[in-house]
């Protein structure tokens, strides 16, 4: 994955939710961002969102995660994947 242009990662849960969901096969926003930084990805697309979360709740969770990680992003573009999103590489 080193230096990949676009990394797409399951980001179903927050770090607070994860302990109760561990072993379900889904990841967190935090682990997705950490992976993208570790491999030097240019863009990260967080996908496979928790289905019980409304769009506004998802956007609030995403904004919180981005604010927390802002000093570490170093040019990494982080996006919420959404239905109909097309990415041109």
N, C-alpha and C. Protein backbone atom coordinates (compact mmCIF):
# COMPACT_ATOMS: atom_id res chain seq x y z
N UNK A 1 0.81 -1.21 0.00
CA UNK A 1 0.00 0.00 0.00
C UNK A 1 0.85 1.27 0.00
N UNK A 2 2.12 1.14 0.26
CA UNK A 2 2.97 2.32 0.40
C UNK A 2 2.76 3.31 -0.74
N UNK A 3 2.42 4.56 -0.37
CA UNK A 3 2.28 5.63 -1.34
C UNK A 3 1.06 5.58 -2.24
N UNK A 4 0.09 4.77 -1.89
CA UNK A 4 -1.11 4.62 -2.71
C UNK A 4 -1.81 5.98 -2.90
N UNK A 5 -2.40 6.17 -4.08
CA UNK A 5 -3.13 7.41 -4.36
C UNK A 5 -4.44 7.49 -3.58
N UNK A 6 -5.16 6.38 -3.51
CA UNK A 6 -6.45 6.36 -2.82
C UNK A 6 -6.57 5.07 -2.01
N UNK A 7 -6.83 5.24 -0.73
CA UNK A 7 -7.00 4.11 0.19
C UNK A 7 -8.45 4.12 0.67
N UNK A 8 -9.15 3.01 0.51
CA UNK A 8 -10.55 2.89 0.91
C UNK A 8 -10.60 1.93 2.09
N UNK A 9 -11.11 2.41 3.22
CA UNK A 9 -11.06 1.63 4.45
C UNK A 9 -12.40 1.66 5.17
N UNK A 10 -12.82 0.50 5.65
CA UNK A 10 -14.01 0.36 6.49
C UNK A 10 -13.82 1.20 7.75
N UNK A 11 -14.76 2.09 8.00
CA UNK A 11 -14.69 2.98 9.17
C UNK A 11 -16.05 3.03 9.84
N UNK A 12 -16.51 1.89 10.29
CA UNK A 12 -17.85 1.81 10.84
C UNK A 12 -18.01 2.49 12.19
N UNK A 13 -16.98 2.43 13.01
CA UNK A 13 -17.15 2.81 14.41
C UNK A 13 -16.18 3.88 14.88
N UNK A 14 -16.56 4.54 15.96
CA UNK A 14 -15.65 5.45 16.65
C UNK A 14 -14.78 4.61 17.58
N UNK A 15 -13.72 5.20 18.08
CA UNK A 15 -12.86 4.47 19.00
C UNK A 15 -13.59 4.12 20.30
N UNK A 16 -14.58 4.94 20.67
CA UNK A 16 -15.37 4.67 21.87
C UNK A 16 -16.33 3.49 21.66
N UNK A 17 -16.86 3.35 20.46
CA UNK A 17 -17.80 2.27 20.16
C UNK A 17 -17.11 0.93 19.94
N UNK A 18 -15.87 0.97 19.51
CA UNK A 18 -15.19 -0.24 19.06
C UNK A 18 -15.10 -1.37 20.09
N UNK A 19 -14.79 -1.11 21.36
CA UNK A 19 -14.68 -2.23 22.30
C UNK A 19 -15.92 -3.13 22.34
N UNK A 20 -17.10 -2.55 22.20
CA UNK A 20 -18.33 -3.35 22.21
C UNK A 20 -18.56 -4.07 20.87
N UNK A 21 -17.84 -3.66 19.84
CA UNK A 21 -18.03 -4.23 18.49
C UNK A 21 -16.81 -5.05 18.03
N UNK A 22 -15.80 -5.15 18.87
CA UNK A 22 -14.56 -5.85 18.50
C UNK A 22 -14.89 -7.28 18.04
N UNK A 23 -14.25 -7.69 16.96
CA UNK A 23 -14.48 -9.02 16.42
C UNK A 23 -15.61 -9.08 15.40
N UNK A 24 -16.28 -7.97 15.16
CA UNK A 24 -17.36 -7.96 14.18
C UNK A 24 -16.84 -7.79 12.76
N UNK A 25 -15.55 -7.54 12.60
CA UNK A 25 -14.96 -7.41 11.28
C UNK A 25 -14.98 -6.01 10.70
N UNK A 26 -15.22 -5.02 11.53
CA UNK A 26 -15.27 -3.63 11.07
C UNK A 26 -14.26 -2.80 11.83
N UNK A 27 -13.82 -1.71 11.21
CA UNK A 27 -12.80 -0.87 11.81
C UNK A 27 -13.32 0.45 12.32
N UNK A 28 -12.37 1.31 12.68
CA UNK A 28 -12.69 2.63 13.22
C UNK A 28 -12.11 3.71 12.31
N UNK A 29 -12.63 4.91 12.47
CA UNK A 29 -12.06 6.06 11.77
C UNK A 29 -10.60 6.25 12.17
N UNK A 30 -10.33 6.10 13.47
CA UNK A 30 -8.97 6.31 13.98
C UNK A 30 -7.98 5.31 13.36
N UNK A 31 -8.38 4.05 13.27
CA UNK A 31 -7.46 3.06 12.71
C UNK A 31 -7.28 3.28 11.20
N UNK A 32 -8.30 3.74 10.53
CA UNK A 32 -8.19 4.03 9.10
C UNK A 32 -7.21 5.18 8.86
N UNK A 33 -7.32 6.22 9.66
CA UNK A 33 -6.42 7.36 9.52
C UNK A 33 -4.99 6.94 9.86
N UNK A 34 -4.83 6.18 10.92
CA UNK A 34 -3.49 5.71 11.31
C UNK A 34 -2.87 4.88 10.19
N UNK A 35 -3.65 4.01 9.57
CA UNK A 35 -3.14 3.19 8.47
C UNK A 35 -2.73 4.07 7.29
N UNK A 36 -3.58 5.02 6.93
CA UNK A 36 -3.29 5.89 5.80
C UNK A 36 -2.01 6.70 6.03
N UNK A 37 -1.83 7.19 7.23
CA UNK A 37 -0.61 7.94 7.56
C UNK A 37 0.60 7.01 7.51
N UNK A 38 0.47 5.82 8.08
CA UNK A 38 1.58 4.87 8.14
C UNK A 38 2.08 4.48 6.74
N UNK A 39 1.16 4.33 5.79
CA UNK A 39 1.57 3.89 4.45
C UNK A 39 1.82 5.05 3.49
N UNK A 40 1.58 6.28 3.95
CA UNK A 40 1.82 7.44 3.11
C UNK A 40 0.80 7.61 2.00
N UNK A 41 -0.45 7.24 2.27
CA UNK A 41 -1.52 7.41 1.28
C UNK A 41 -1.75 8.89 1.00
N UNK A 42 -2.17 9.19 -0.21
CA UNK A 42 -2.46 10.57 -0.57
C UNK A 42 -3.89 10.95 -0.18
N UNK A 43 -4.82 10.00 -0.38
CA UNK A 43 -6.23 10.24 -0.05
C UNK A 43 -6.80 9.02 0.66
N UNK A 44 -7.63 9.27 1.65
CA UNK A 44 -8.32 8.22 2.39
C UNK A 44 -9.82 8.41 2.21
N UNK A 45 -10.50 7.31 1.89
CA UNK A 45 -11.96 7.32 1.80
C UNK A 45 -12.48 6.38 2.88
N UNK A 46 -13.17 6.96 3.85
CA UNK A 46 -13.76 6.18 4.94
C UNK A 46 -15.12 5.70 4.48
N UNK A 47 -15.33 4.38 4.55
CA UNK A 47 -16.54 3.79 4.01
C UNK A 47 -17.16 2.79 4.98
N UNK A 48 -18.28 2.21 4.58
CA UNK A 48 -19.02 1.20 5.33
C UNK A 48 -19.41 1.73 6.70
N UNK A 49 -20.19 2.79 6.69
CA UNK A 49 -20.57 3.48 7.90
C UNK A 49 -21.63 2.72 8.70
N UNK A 50 -21.63 2.93 10.00
CA UNK A 50 -22.61 2.32 10.91
C UNK A 50 -24.01 2.67 10.41
N UNK A 51 -24.84 1.67 10.06
CA UNK A 51 -26.14 1.94 9.46
C UNK A 51 -27.17 2.60 10.38
N UNK A 52 -26.97 2.52 11.69
CA UNK A 52 -27.92 3.16 12.60
C UNK A 52 -27.62 4.64 12.81
N UNK A 53 -26.51 5.12 12.26
CA UNK A 53 -26.11 6.52 12.42
C UNK A 53 -26.75 7.35 11.31
N UNK A 54 -27.38 8.44 11.67
CA UNK A 54 -27.96 9.34 10.66
C UNK A 54 -26.84 10.08 9.93
N UNK A 55 -27.17 10.70 8.81
CA UNK A 55 -26.17 11.45 8.06
C UNK A 55 -25.56 12.56 8.92
N UNK A 56 -26.39 13.27 9.66
CA UNK A 56 -25.87 14.36 10.49
C UNK A 56 -25.00 13.83 11.63
N UNK A 57 -25.37 12.69 12.19
CA UNK A 57 -24.52 12.08 13.23
C UNK A 57 -23.20 11.63 12.64
N UNK A 58 -23.22 11.05 11.44
CA UNK A 58 -22.00 10.62 10.77
C UNK A 58 -21.08 11.82 10.51
N UNK A 59 -21.65 12.89 10.02
CA UNK A 59 -20.85 14.09 9.75
C UNK A 59 -20.25 14.66 11.02
N UNK A 60 -20.98 14.63 12.13
CA UNK A 60 -20.47 15.12 13.42
C UNK A 60 -19.33 14.24 13.92
N UNK A 61 -19.50 12.93 13.83
CA UNK A 61 -18.44 12.00 14.23
C UNK A 61 -17.19 12.23 13.38
N UNK A 62 -17.38 12.38 12.09
CA UNK A 62 -16.27 12.59 11.16
C UNK A 62 -15.54 13.90 11.48
N UNK A 63 -16.29 14.96 11.73
CA UNK A 63 -15.67 16.25 12.06
C UNK A 63 -14.85 16.15 13.34
N UNK A 64 -15.35 15.44 14.32
CA UNK A 64 -14.63 15.25 15.58
C UNK A 64 -13.31 14.50 15.35
N UNK A 65 -13.37 13.44 14.57
CA UNK A 65 -12.16 12.65 14.28
C UNK A 65 -11.15 13.49 13.51
N UNK A 66 -11.61 14.23 12.52
CA UNK A 66 -10.70 15.07 11.75
C UNK A 66 -10.04 16.14 12.63
N UNK A 67 -10.80 16.75 13.51
CA UNK A 67 -10.25 17.77 14.40
C UNK A 67 -9.19 17.16 15.31
N UNK A 68 -9.45 15.98 15.81
CA UNK A 68 -8.51 15.31 16.71
C UNK A 68 -7.22 14.92 16.01
N UNK A 69 -7.31 14.55 14.75
CA UNK A 69 -6.14 14.09 13.99
C UNK A 69 -5.50 15.18 13.13
N UNK A 70 -6.05 16.36 13.08
CA UNK A 70 -5.57 17.42 12.19
C UNK A 70 -4.06 17.62 12.23
N UNK A 71 -3.43 17.66 13.40
CA UNK A 71 -1.98 17.89 13.42
C UNK A 71 -1.16 16.75 12.78
N UNK A 72 -1.75 15.58 12.64
CA UNK A 72 -1.02 14.41 12.13
C UNK A 72 -1.22 14.16 10.64
N UNK A 73 -2.17 14.84 10.02
CA UNK A 73 -2.57 14.50 8.65
C UNK A 73 -1.50 14.81 7.61
N UNK A 74 -0.70 15.83 7.80
CA UNK A 74 0.42 16.15 6.91
C UNK A 74 0.08 16.02 5.43
N UNK A 75 -1.01 16.64 5.02
CA UNK A 75 -1.38 16.63 3.60
C UNK A 75 -2.30 15.49 3.19
N UNK A 76 -2.55 14.54 4.09
CA UNK A 76 -3.48 13.46 3.78
C UNK A 76 -4.88 14.04 3.62
N UNK A 77 -5.52 13.75 2.51
CA UNK A 77 -6.90 14.18 2.27
C UNK A 77 -7.81 13.06 2.77
N UNK A 78 -8.69 13.38 3.72
CA UNK A 78 -9.58 12.38 4.31
C UNK A 78 -11.02 12.72 3.92
N UNK A 79 -11.73 11.73 3.37
CA UNK A 79 -13.08 11.93 2.86
C UNK A 79 -14.04 10.88 3.40
N UNK A 80 -15.28 11.27 3.53
CA UNK A 80 -16.34 10.30 3.82
C UNK A 80 -16.85 9.79 2.48
N UNK A 81 -16.78 8.49 2.28
CA UNK A 81 -17.37 7.91 1.08
C UNK A 81 -18.88 8.03 1.19
N UNK A 82 -19.54 8.19 0.07
CA UNK A 82 -21.00 8.30 0.07
C UNK A 82 -21.54 7.68 -1.21
N UNK A 83 -22.78 7.34 -1.16
CA UNK A 83 -23.41 6.76 -2.33
C UNK A 83 -23.29 7.71 -3.52
N UNK A 84 -22.86 7.19 -4.64
CA UNK A 84 -22.73 7.98 -5.85
C UNK A 84 -21.40 8.68 -6.02
N UNK A 85 -20.53 8.62 -5.02
CA UNK A 85 -19.23 9.26 -5.12
C UNK A 85 -18.39 8.60 -6.21
N UNK A 86 -17.85 9.41 -7.08
CA UNK A 86 -16.94 8.92 -8.12
C UNK A 86 -15.59 9.55 -7.91
N UNK A 87 -14.55 8.74 -7.93
CA UNK A 87 -13.20 9.22 -7.71
C UNK A 87 -12.42 9.04 -9.00
N UNK A 88 -11.83 10.12 -9.47
CA UNK A 88 -11.01 10.06 -10.68
C UNK A 88 -9.56 10.09 -10.24
N UNK A 89 -8.82 9.08 -10.67
CA UNK A 89 -7.40 8.99 -10.31
C UNK A 89 -6.51 9.42 -11.45
